[in-house]
Amino acid sequence: MDTITNHLSVMDPLEPNDAMLARLNNEFNNEQTATGADVNFYVHESLEDGLMNQGMDYDAAHATALDLDNMSNFGLYHPDVINEYTEHFNSSCRNFWGLSQ
């Protein structure tokens, strides 16, 4: 968790990222198994951090991390976070999770 917390701390603050970190911290603190979007977010941010530490800029690291994990941008945030911060997510993201518009 320290890796992705530190990684995200150098980015512009974004409420959905903070919400995802809170979800992961809650799961880990309660010894729960992270699944779905929580795992997607954790793996993506970990990969992205490693790539940026190797000298990649954010945009390249983000795209490469998505490719490496065969992930879509739409799958990185939990539906509860999408519903809470609707202004940050488009209809394609909502459709990915089968959420109402």
PDB file of N, CA and C in Angstrom:
ATOM      1  N   MET A   1       0.814  -1.196   0.000  1.00  0.00           N
ATOM      2  CA  MET A   1       0.000   0.000   0.000  1.00  0.00           C
ATOM      3  C   MET A   1       0.857   1.258   0.000  1.00  0.00           C
ATOM      4  N   ASP A   2       1.992   1.194   0.659  1.00  0.00           N
ATOM      5  CA  ASP A   2       2.858   2.368   0.701  1.00  0.00           C
ATOM      6  C   ASP A   2       3.276   2.798  -0.696  1.00  0.00           C
ATOM      7  N   THR A   3       3.545   1.828  -1.556  1.00  0.00           N
ATOM      8  CA  THR A   3       3.984   2.138  -2.922  1.00  0.00           C
ATOM      9  C   THR A   3       2.934   2.944  -3.666  1.00  0.00           C
ATOM     10  N   ILE A   4       1.703   2.465  -3.655  1.00  0.00           N
ATOM     11  CA  ILE A   4       0.703   3.201  -4.433  1.00  0.00           C
ATOM     12  C   ILE A   4       0.256   4.480  -3.720  1.00  0.00           C
ATOM     13  N   THR A   5       0.282   4.495  -2.411  1.00  0.00           N
ATOM     14  CA  THR A   5      -0.042   5.726  -1.681  1.00  0.00           C
ATOM     15  C   THR A   5       0.983   6.804  -2.024  1.00  0.00           C
ATOM     16  N   ASN A   6       2.266   6.450  -1.997  1.00  0.00           N
ATOM     17  CA  ASN A   6       3.316   7.410  -2.346  1.00  0.00           C
ATOM     18  C   ASN A   6       3.229   7.811  -3.813  1.00  0.00           C
ATOM     19  N   HIS A   7       2.956   6.836  -4.670  1.00  0.00           N
ATOM     20  CA  HIS A   7       2.833   7.114  -6.104  1.00  0.00           C
ATOM     21  C   HIS A   7       1.731   8.143  -6.350  1.00  0.00           C
ATOM     22  N   LEU A   8       0.572   7.933  -5.761  1.00  0.00           N
ATOM     23  CA  LEU A   8      -0.552   8.843  -5.987  1.00  0.00           C
ATOM     24  C   LEU A   8      -0.367  10.181  -5.295  1.00  0.00           C
ATOM     25  N   SER A   9       0.475  10.235  -4.281  1.00  0.00           N
ATOM     26  CA  SER A   9       0.680  11.496  -3.559  1.00  0.00           C
ATOM     27  C   SER A   9       1.407  12.537  -4.403  1.00  0.00           C
ATOM     28  N   VAL A  10       2.114  12.107  -5.447  1.00  0.00           N
ATOM     29  CA  VAL A  10       2.814  13.068  -6.304  1.00  0.00           C
ATOM     30  C   VAL A  10       1.945  13.518  -7.478  1.00  0.00           C
ATOM     31  N   MET A  11       0.773  12.912  -7.618  1.00  0.00           N
ATOM     32  CA  MET A  11      -0.165  13.297  -8.672  1.00  0.00           C
ATOM     33  C   MET A  11      -1.071  14.408  -8.152  1.00  0.00           C
ATOM     34  N   ASP A  12      -1.783  15.038  -9.069  1.00  0.00           N
ATOM     35  CA  ASP A  12      -2.802  15.986  -8.641  1.00  0.00           C
ATOM     36  C   ASP A  12      -3.832  15.231  -7.814  1.00  0.00           C
ATOM     37  N   PRO A  13      -4.276  15.820  -6.712  1.00  0.00           N
ATOM     38  CA  PRO A  13      -5.278  15.133  -5.876  1.00  0.00           C
ATOM     39  C   PRO A  13      -6.537  14.825  -6.685  1.00  0.00           C
ATOM     40  N   LEU A  14      -7.057  13.633  -6.479  1.00  0.00           N
ATOM     41  CA  LEU A  14      -8.263  13.214  -7.174  1.00  0.00           C
ATOM     42  C   LEU A  14      -9.110  12.402  -6.199  1.00  0.00           C
ATOM     43  N   GLU A  15     -10.307  12.866  -5.926  1.00  0.00           N
ATOM     44  CA  GLU A  15     -11.172  12.216  -4.945  1.00  0.00           C
ATOM     45  C   GLU A  15     -11.375  10.723  -5.206  1.00  0.00           C
ATOM     46  N   PRO A  16     -11.608  10.297  -6.467  1.00  0.00           N
ATOM     47  CA  PRO A  16     -11.774   8.859  -6.687  1.00  0.00           C
ATOM     48  C   PRO A  16     -10.534   8.041  -6.299  1.00  0.00           C
ATOM     49  N   ASN A  17      -9.348   8.591  -6.511  1.00  0.00           N
ATOM     50  CA  ASN A  17      -8.134   7.878  -6.090  1.00  0.00           C
ATOM     51  C   ASN A  17      -8.098   7.737  -4.576  1.00  0.00           C
ATOM     52  N   ASP A  18      -8.439   8.810  -3.877  1.00  0.00           N
ATOM     53  CA  ASP A  18      -8.478   8.762  -2.412  1.00  0.00           C
ATOM     54  C   ASP A  18      -9.497   7.733  -1.934  1.00  0.00           C
ATOM     55  N   ALA A  19     -10.642   7.677  -2.605  1.00  0.00           N
ATOM     56  CA  ALA A  19     -11.677   6.713  -2.231  1.00  0.00           C
ATOM     57  C   ALA A  19     -11.205   5.285  -2.467  1.00  0.00           C
ATOM     58  N   MET A  20     -10.491   5.057  -3.560  1.00  0.00           N
ATOM     59  CA  MET A  20      -9.981   3.712  -3.838  1.00  0.00           C
ATOM     60  C   MET A  20      -8.914   3.326  -2.805  1.00  0.00           C
ATOM     61  N   LEU A  21      -8.054   4.260  -2.434  1.00  0.00           N
ATOM     62  CA  LEU A  21      -7.057   3.973  -1.391  1.00  0.00           C
ATOM     63  C   LEU A  21      -7.746   3.633  -0.069  1.00  0.00           C
ATOM     64  N   ALA A  22      -8.791   4.357   0.253  1.00  0.00           N
ATOM     65  CA  ALA A  22      -9.530   4.083   1.494  1.00  0.00           C
ATOM     66  C   ALA A  22     -10.148   2.687   1.458  1.00  0.00           C
ATOM     67  N   ARG A  23     -10.696   2.306   0.310  1.00  0.00           N
ATOM     68  CA  ARG A  23     -11.272   0.965   0.172  1.00  0.00           C
ATOM     69  C   ARG A  23     -10.197  -0.092   0.400  1.00  0.00           C
ATOM     70  N   LEU A  24      -9.041   0.079  -0.252  1.00  0.00           N
ATOM     71  CA  LEU A  24      -7.958  -0.903  -0.119  1.00  0.00           C
ATOM     72  C   LEU A  24      -7.442  -0.964   1.316  1.00  0.00           C
ATOM     73  N   ASN A  25      -7.244   0.193   1.933  1.00  0.00           N
ATOM     74  CA  ASN A  25      -6.782   0.207   3.330  1.00  0.00           C
ATOM     75  C   ASN A  25      -7.772  -0.506   4.236  1.00  0.00           C
ATOM     76  N   ASN A  26      -9.049  -0.283   4.012  1.00  0.00           N
ATOM     77  CA  ASN A  26     -10.079  -0.949   4.808  1.00  0.00           C
ATOM     78  C   ASN A  26     -10.016  -2.465   4.617  1.00  0.00           C
ATOM     79  N   GLU A  27      -9.870  -2.892   3.367  1.00  0.00           N
ATOM     80  CA  GLU A  27      -9.797  -4.331   3.094  1.00  0.00           C
ATOM     81  C   GLU A  27      -8.569  -4.955   3.755  1.00  0.00           C
ATOM     82  N   PHE A  28      -7.429  -4.306   3.605  1.00  0.00           N
ATOM     83  CA  PHE A  28      -6.195  -4.850   4.178  1.00  0.00           C
ATOM     84  C   PHE A  28      -6.234  -4.824   5.705  1.00  0.00           C
ATOM     85  N   ASN A  29      -6.745  -3.740   6.274  1.00  0.00           N
ATOM     86  CA  ASN A  29      -6.816  -3.634   7.738  1.00  0.00           C
ATOM     87  C   ASN A  29      -7.765  -4.651   8.350  1.00  0.00           C
ATOM     88  N   ASN A  30      -8.768  -5.033   7.606  1.00  0.00           N
ATOM     89  CA  ASN A  30      -9.743  -6.016   8.082  1.00  0.00           C
ATOM     90  C   ASN A  30      -9.450  -7.421   7.553  1.00  0.00           C
ATOM     91  N   GLU A  31      -8.260  -7.578   6.990  1.00  0.00           N
ATOM     92  CA  GLU A  31      -7.803  -8.863   6.460  1.00  0.00           C
ATOM     93  C   GLU A  31      -8.802  -9.477   5.486  1.00  0.00           C
ATOM     94  N   GLN A  32      -9.386  -8.618   4.675  1.00  0.00           N
ATOM     95  CA  GLN A  32     -10.287  -9.067   3.626  1.00  0.00           C
ATOM     96  C   GLN A  32      -9.495  -9.228   2.333  1.00  0.00           C
ATOM     97  N   THR A  33     -10.009 -10.036   1.434  1.00  0.00           N
ATOM     98  CA  THR A  33      -9.382 -10.209   0.133  1.00  0.00           C
ATOM     99  C   THR A  33      -9.943  -9.165  -0.823  1.00  0.00           C
ATOM    100  N   ALA A  34      -9.064  -8.405  -1.428  1.00  0.00           N
ATOM    101  CA  ALA A  34      -9.485  -7.431  -2.427  1.00  0.00           C
ATOM    102  C   ALA A  34      -9.853  -8.177  -3.706  1.00  0.00           C
ATOM    103  N   THR A  35     -10.907  -7.723  -4.374  1.00  0.00           N
ATOM    104  CA  THR A  35     -11.356  -8.346  -5.611  1.00  0.00           C
ATOM    105  C   THR A  35     -11.750  -7.265  -6.615  1.00  0.00           C
ATOM    106  N   GLY A  36     -12.002  -7.684  -7.837  1.00  0.00           N
ATOM    107  CA  GLY A  36     -12.548  -6.799  -8.864  1.00  0.00           C
ATOM    108  C   GLY A  36     -11.764  -5.527  -9.071  1.00  0.00           C
ATOM    109  N   ALA A  37     -12.488  -4.422  -9.056  1.00  0.00           N
ATOM    110  CA  ALA A  37     -11.887  -3.119  -9.322  1.00  0.00           C
ATOM    111  C   ALA A  37     -10.816  -2.764  -8.308  1.00  0.00           C
ATOM    112  N   ASP A  38     -10.960  -3.231  -7.073  1.00  0.00           N
ATOM    113  CA  ASP A  38      -9.956  -2.931  -6.057  1.00  0.00           C
ATOM    114  C   ASP A  38      -8.610  -3.546  -6.442  1.00  0.00           C
ATOM    115  N   VAL A  39      -8.633  -4.786  -6.900  1.00  0.00           N
ATOM    116  CA  VAL A  39      -7.395  -5.434  -7.364  1.00  0.00           C
ATOM    117  C   VAL A  39      -6.892  -4.745  -8.624  1.00  0.00           C
ATOM    118  N   ASN A  40      -7.798  -4.438  -9.544  1.00  0.00           N
ATOM    119  CA  ASN A  40      -7.406  -3.757 -10.784  1.00  0.00           C
ATOM    120  C   ASN A  40      -6.675  -2.460 -10.487  1.00  0.00           C
ATOM    121  N   PHE A  41      -7.228  -1.668  -9.578  1.00  0.00           N
ATOM    122  CA  PHE A  41      -6.635  -0.382  -9.213  1.00  0.00           C
ATOM    123  C   PHE A  41      -5.261  -0.588  -8.589  1.00  0.00           C
ATOM    124  N   TYR A  42      -5.174  -1.505  -7.639  1.00  0.00           N
ATOM    125  CA  TYR A  42      -3.922  -1.772  -6.935  1.00  0.00           C
ATOM    126  C   TYR A  42      -2.825  -2.215  -7.913  1.00  0.00           C
ATOM    127  N   VAL A  43      -3.143  -3.180  -8.760  1.00  0.00           N
ATOM    128  CA  VAL A  43      -2.152  -3.687  -9.720  1.00  0.00           C
ATOM    129  C   VAL A  43      -1.758  -2.595 -10.702  1.00  0.00           C
ATOM    130  N   HIS A  44      -2.735  -1.875 -11.209  1.00  0.00           N
ATOM    131  CA  HIS A  44      -2.443  -0.816 -12.185  1.00  0.00           C
ATOM    132  C   HIS A  44      -1.523   0.248 -11.595  1.00  0.00           C
ATOM    133  N   GLU A  45      -1.856   0.730 -10.412  1.00  0.00           N
ATOM    134  CA  GLU A  45      -1.040   1.795  -9.802  1.00  0.00           C
ATOM    135  C   GLU A  45       0.353   1.287  -9.453  1.00  0.00           C
ATOM    136  N   SER A  46       0.465   0.038  -9.052  1.00  0.00           N
ATOM    137  CA  SER A  46       1.780  -0.548  -8.754  1.00  0.00           C
ATOM    138  C   SER A  46       2.635  -0.632 -10.016  1.00  0.00           C
ATOM    139  N   LEU A  47       2.029  -1.120 -11.096  1.00  0.00           N
ATOM    140  CA  LEU A  47       2.756  -1.196 -12.370  1.00  0.00           C
ATOM    141  C   LEU A  47       3.160   0.202 -12.851  1.00  0.00           C
ATOM    142  N   GLU A  48       2.235   1.113 -12.794  1.00  0.00           N
ATOM    143  CA  GLU A  48       2.481   2.484 -13.237  1.00  0.00           C
ATOM    144  C   GLU A  48       3.631   3.102 -12.449  1.00  0.00           C
ATOM    145  N   ASP A  49       3.645   2.901 -11.143  1.00  0.00           N
ATOM    146  CA  ASP A  49       4.719   3.427 -10.295  1.00  0.00           C
ATOM    147  C   ASP A  49       6.067   2.857 -10.729  1.00  0.00           C
ATOM    148  N   GLY A  50       6.131   1.560 -10.926  1.00  0.00           N
ATOM    149  CA  GLY A  50       7.387   0.937 -11.346  1.00  0.00           C
ATOM    150  C   GLY A  50       7.882   1.480 -12.672  1.00  0.00           C
ATOM    151  N   LEU A  51       6.980   1.658 -13.610  1.00  0.00           N
ATOM    152  CA  LEU A  51       7.354   2.181 -14.931  1.00  0.00           C
ATOM    153  C   LEU A  51       7.843   3.624 -14.837  1.00  0.00           C
ATOM    154  N   MET A  52       7.178   4.422 -14.021  1.00  0.00           N
ATOM    155  CA  MET A  52       7.611   5.810 -13.855  1.00  0.00           C
ATOM    156  C   MET A  52       8.961   5.878 -13.152  1.00  0.00           C
ATOM    157  N   ASN A  53       9.204   4.955 -12.223  1.00  0.00           N
ATOM    158  CA  ASN A  53      10.509   4.905 -11.557  1.00  0.00           C
ATOM    159  C   ASN A  53      11.627   4.508 -12.514  1.00  0.00           C
ATOM    160  N   GLN A  54      11.256   3.877 -13.619  1.00  0.00           N
ATOM    161  CA  GLN A  54      12.237   3.519 -14.652  1.00  0.00           C
ATOM    162  C   GLN A  54      12.416   4.644 -15.678  1.00  0.00           C
ATOM    163  N   GLY A  55      11.707   5.761 -15.487  1.00  0.00           N
ATOM    164  CA  GLY A  55      11.908   6.926 -16.335  1.00  0.00           C
ATOM    165  C   GLY A  55      10.777   7.254 -17.282  1.00  0.00           C
ATOM    166  N   MET A  56       9.725   6.458 -17.315  1.00  0.00           N
ATOM    167  CA  MET A  56       8.595   6.761 -18.190  1.00  0.00           C
ATOM    168  C   MET A  56       7.809   7.936 -17.641  1.00  0.00           C
ATOM    169  N   ASP A  57       7.263   8.747 -18.556  1.00  0.00           N
ATOM    170  CA  ASP A  57       6.369   9.809 -18.091  1.00  0.00           C
ATOM    171  C   ASP A  57       5.013   9.187 -17.759  1.00  0.00           C
ATOM    172  N   TYR A  58       4.161   9.970 -17.109  1.00  0.00           N
ATOM    173  CA  TYR A  58       2.886   9.436 -16.624  1.00  0.00           C
ATOM    174  C   TYR A  58       2.046   8.830 -17.744  1.00  0.00           C
ATOM    175  N   ASP A  59       1.868   9.565 -18.849  1.00  0.00           N
ATOM    176  CA  ASP A  59       0.984   9.082 -19.918  1.00  0.00           C
ATOM    177  C   ASP A  59       1.456   7.748 -20.481  1.00  0.00           C
ATOM    178  N   ALA A  60       2.755   7.634 -20.727  1.00  0.00           N
ATOM    179  CA  ALA A  60       3.301   6.377 -21.257  1.00  0.00           C
ATOM    180  C   ALA A  60       3.185   5.257 -20.233  1.00  0.00           C
ATOM    181  N   ALA A  61       3.472   5.565 -18.965  1.00  0.00           N
ATOM    182  CA  ALA A  61       3.385   4.556 -17.911  1.00  0.00           C
ATOM    183  C   ALA A  61       1.942   4.092 -17.723  1.00  0.00           C
ATOM    184  N   HIS A  62       1.017   5.004 -17.780  1.00  0.00           N
ATOM    185  CA  HIS A  62      -0.396   4.657 -17.627  1.00  0.00           C
ATOM    186  C   HIS A  62      -0.836   3.716 -18.748  1.00  0.00           C
ATOM    187  N   ALA A  63      -0.534   4.077 -19.984  1.00  0.00           N
ATOM    188  CA  ALA A  63      -0.923   3.246 -21.130  1.00  0.00           C
ATOM    189  C   ALA A  63      -0.235   1.887 -21.091  1.00  0.00           C
ATOM    190  N   THR A  64       1.043   1.874 -20.749  1.00  0.00           N
ATOM    191  CA  THR A  64       1.788   0.618 -20.693  1.00  0.00           C
ATOM    192  C   THR A  64       1.250  -0.283 -19.584  1.00  0.00           C
ATOM    193  N   ALA A  65       0.932   0.296 -18.432  1.00  0.00           N
ATOM    194  CA  ALA A  65       0.375  -0.492 -17.325  1.00  0.00           C
ATOM    195  C   ALA A  65      -0.958  -1.108 -17.727  1.00  0.00           C
ATOM    196  N   LEU A  66      -1.788  -0.355 -18.437  1.00  0.00           N
ATOM    197  CA  LEU A  66      -3.051  -0.918 -18.923  1.00  0.00           C
ATOM    198  C   LEU A  66      -2.800  -2.090 -19.865  1.00  0.00           C
ATOM    199  N   ASP A  67      -1.836  -1.929 -20.767  1.00  0.00           N
ATOM    200  CA  ASP A  67      -1.501  -3.005 -21.716  1.00  0.00           C
ATOM    201  C   ASP A  67      -0.942  -4.224 -21.000  1.00  0.00           C
ATOM    202  N   LEU A  68      -0.021  -4.007 -20.075  1.00  0.00           N
ATOM    203  CA  LEU A  68       0.609  -5.127 -19.367  1.00  0.00           C
ATOM    204  C   LEU A  68      -0.407  -5.967 -18.602  1.00  0.00           C
ATOM    205  N   ASP A  69      -1.397  -5.310 -18.034  1.00  0.00           N
ATOM    206  CA  ASP A  69      -2.390  -6.025 -17.239  1.00  0.00           C
ATOM    207  C   ASP A  69      -3.658  -6.333 -18.042  1.00  0.00           C
ATOM    208  N   ASN A  70      -3.625  -5.989 -19.355  1.00  0.00           N
ATOM    209  CA  ASN A  70      -4.786  -6.214 -20.217  1.00  0.00           C
ATOM    210  C   ASN A  70      -6.056  -5.638 -19.584  1.00  0.00           C
ATOM    211  N   MET A  71      -5.937  -4.389 -19.157  1.00  0.00           N
ATOM    212  CA  MET A  71      -7.011  -3.726 -18.422  1.00  0.00           C
ATOM    213  C   MET A  71      -7.506  -2.520 -19.204  1.00  0.00           C
ATOM    214  N   SER A  72      -8.755  -2.193 -18.983  1.00  0.00           N
ATOM    215  CA  SER A  72      -9.367  -0.993 -19.530  1.00  0.00           C
ATOM    216  C   SER A  72      -9.390   0.077 -18.441  1.00  0.00           C
ATOM    217  N   ASN A  73      -9.297   1.327 -18.855  1.00  0.00           N
ATOM    218  CA  ASN A  73      -9.475   2.432 -17.903  1.00  0.00           C
ATOM    219  C   ASN A  73     -10.781   2.284 -17.127  1.00  0.00           C
ATOM    220  N   PHE A  74     -11.775   1.712 -17.782  1.00  0.00           N
ATOM    221  CA  PHE A  74     -13.103   1.615 -17.188  1.00  0.00           C
ATOM    222  C   PHE A  74     -13.150   0.676 -15.987  1.00  0.00           C
ATOM    223  N   GLY A  75     -12.222  -0.251 -15.902  1.00  0.00           N
ATOM    224  CA  GLY A  75     -12.245  -1.236 -14.826  1.00  0.00           C
ATOM    225  C   GLY A  75     -11.413  -0.900 -13.609  1.00  0.00           C
ATOM    226  N   LEU A  76     -10.864   0.308 -13.559  1.00  0.00           N
ATOM    227  CA  LEU A  76      -9.951   0.660 -12.473  1.00  0.00           C
ATOM    228  C   LEU A  76     -10.632   1.162 -11.208  1.00  0.00           C
ATOM    229  N   TYR A  77     -11.867   1.590 -11.313  1.00  0.00           N
ATOM    230  CA  TYR A  77     -12.552   2.167 -10.155  1.00  0.00           C
ATOM    231  C   TYR A  77     -13.787   1.348  -9.815  1.00  0.00           C
ATOM    232  N   HIS A  78     -13.981   1.128  -8.524  1.00  0.00           N
ATOM    233  CA  HIS A  78     -15.117   0.355  -8.041  1.00  0.00           C
ATOM    234  C   HIS A  78     -16.428   1.095  -8.352  1.00  0.00           C
ATOM    235  N   PRO A  79     -17.485   0.350  -8.675  1.00  0.00           N
ATOM    236  CA  PRO A  79     -18.769   0.997  -8.958  1.00  0.00           C
ATOM    237  C   PRO A  79     -19.253   1.937  -7.854  1.00  0.00           C
ATOM    238  N   ASP A  80     -18.982   1.632  -6.598  1.00  0.00           N
ATOM    239  CA  ASP A  80     -19.384   2.535  -5.510  1.00  0.00           C
ATOM    240  C   ASP A  80     -18.677   3.880  -5.621  1.00  0.00           C
ATOM    241  N   VAL A  81     -17.414   3.852  -6.030  1.00  0.00           N
ATOM    242  CA  VAL A  81     -16.647   5.093  -6.202  1.00  0.00           C
ATOM    243  C   VAL A  81     -17.184   5.859  -7.413  1.00  0.00           C
ATOM    244  N   ILE A  82     -17.494   5.147  -8.466  1.00  0.00           N
ATOM    245  CA  ILE A  82     -18.057   5.787  -9.666  1.00  0.00           C
ATOM    246  C   ILE A  82     -19.374   6.469  -9.324  1.00  0.00           C
ATOM    247  N   ASN A  83     -20.225   5.793  -8.562  1.00  0.00           N
ATOM    248  CA  ASN A  83     -21.510   6.377  -8.174  1.00  0.00           C
ATOM    249  C   ASN A  83     -21.342   7.579  -7.255  1.00  0.00           C
ATOM    250  N   GLU A  84     -20.315   7.552  -6.412  1.00  0.00           N
ATOM    251  CA  GLU A  84     -20.102   8.666  -5.484  1.00  0.00           C
ATOM    252  C   GLU A  84     -19.523   9.891  -6.176  1.00  0.00           C
ATOM    253  N   TYR A  85     -18.686   9.672  -7.171  1.00  0.00           N
ATOM    254  CA  TYR A  85     -18.001  10.784  -7.856  1.00  0.00           C
ATOM    255  C   TYR A  85     -18.361  10.784  -9.338  1.00  0.00           C
ATOM    256  N   THR A  86     -19.636  10.873  -9.626  1.00  0.00           N
ATOM    257  CA  THR A  86     -20.119  10.763 -11.008  1.00  0.00           C
ATOM    258  C   THR A  86     -19.490  11.785 -11.947  1.00  0.00           C
ATOM    259  N   GLU A  87     -19.112  12.935 -11.427  1.00  0.00           N
ATOM    260  CA  GLU A  87     -18.546  13.985 -12.288  1.00  0.00           C
ATOM    261  C   GLU A  87     -17.197  13.591 -12.891  1.00  0.00           C
ATOM    262  N   HIS A  88     -16.557  12.550 -12.364  1.00  0.00           N
ATOM    263  CA  HIS A  88     -15.254  12.122 -12.848  1.00  0.00           C
ATOM    264  C   HIS A  88     -15.340  10.975 -13.869  1.00  0.00           C
ATOM    265  N   PHE A  89     -16.548  10.465 -14.110  1.00  0.00           N
ATOM    266  CA  PHE A  89     -16.684   9.271 -14.940  1.00  0.00           C
ATOM    267  C   PHE A  89     -17.725   9.475 -16.029  1.00  0.00           C
ATOM    268  N   ASN A  90     -17.391   8.991 -17.228  1.00  0.00           N
ATOM    269  CA  ASN A  90     -18.313   9.145 -18.352  1.00  0.00           C
ATOM    270  C   ASN A  90     -19.242   7.936 -18.461  1.00  0.00           C
ATOM    271  N   SER A  91     -20.144   7.990 -19.415  1.00  0.00           N
ATOM    272  CA  SER A  91     -21.134   6.925 -19.582  1.00  0.00           C
ATOM    273  C   SER A  91     -20.484   5.595 -19.953  1.00  0.00           C
ATOM    274  N   SER A  92     -19.368   5.616 -20.657  1.00  0.00           N
ATOM    275  CA  SER A  92     -18.683   4.366 -21.011  1.00  0.00           C
ATOM    276  C   SER A  92     -18.206   3.633 -19.766  1.00  0.00           C
ATOM    277  N   CYS A  93     -17.717   4.379 -18.813  1.00  0.00           N
ATOM    278  CA  CYS A  93     -17.271   3.786 -17.554  1.00  0.00           C
ATOM    279  C   CYS A  93     -18.459   3.213 -16.800  1.00  0.00           C
ATOM    280  N   ARG A  94     -19.549   3.947 -16.765  1.00  0.00           N
ATOM    281  CA  ARG A  94     -20.743   3.471 -16.084  1.00  0.00           C
ATOM    282  C   ARG A  94     -21.288   2.220 -16.777  1.00  0.00           C
ATOM    283  N   ASN A  95     -21.272   2.218 -18.100  1.00  0.00           N
ATOM    284  CA  ASN A  95     -21.751   1.066 -18.865  1.00  0.00           C
ATOM    285  C   ASN A  95     -20.886  -0.174 -18.612  1.00  0.00           C
ATOM    286  N   PHE A  96     -19.590   0.018 -18.463  1.00  0.00           N
ATOM    287  CA  PHE A  96     -18.675  -1.100 -18.212  1.00  0.00           C
ATOM    288  C   PHE A  96     -19.135  -1.905 -17.007  1.00  0.00           C
ATOM    289  N   TRP A  97     -19.591  -1.217 -15.965  1.00  0.00           N
ATOM    290  CA  TRP A  97     -20.029  -1.848 -14.726  1.00  0.00           C
ATOM    291  C   TRP A  97     -21.531  -2.098 -14.691  1.00  0.00           C
ATOM    292  N   GLY A  98     -22.248  -1.745 -15.775  1.00  0.00           N
ATOM    293  CA  GLY A  98     -23.700  -1.958 -15.800  1.00  0.00           C
ATOM    294  C   GLY A  98     -24.447  -1.024 -14.877  1.00  0.00           C
ATOM    295  N   LEU A  99     -23.890   0.177 -14.684  1.00  0.00           N
ATOM    296  CA  LEU A  99     -24.528   1.164 -13.807  1.00  0.00           C
ATOM    297  C   LEU A  99     -25.519   1.999 -14.604  1.00  0.00           C
ATOM    298  N   SER A 100     -26.571   2.436 -13.969  1.00  0.00           N
ATOM    299  CA  SER A 100     -27.551   3.273 -14.641  1.00  0.00           C
ATOM    300  C   SER A 100     -26.946   4.646 -14.906  1.00  0.00           C
ATOM    301  N   GLN A 101     -27.457   5.268 -15.922  1.00  0.00           N
ATOM    302  CA  GLN A 101     -26.980   6.602 -16.297  1.00  0.00           C
ATOM    303  C   GLN A 101     -27.653   7.615 -15.412  1.00  0.00           C
TER     304      GLN A 101
END
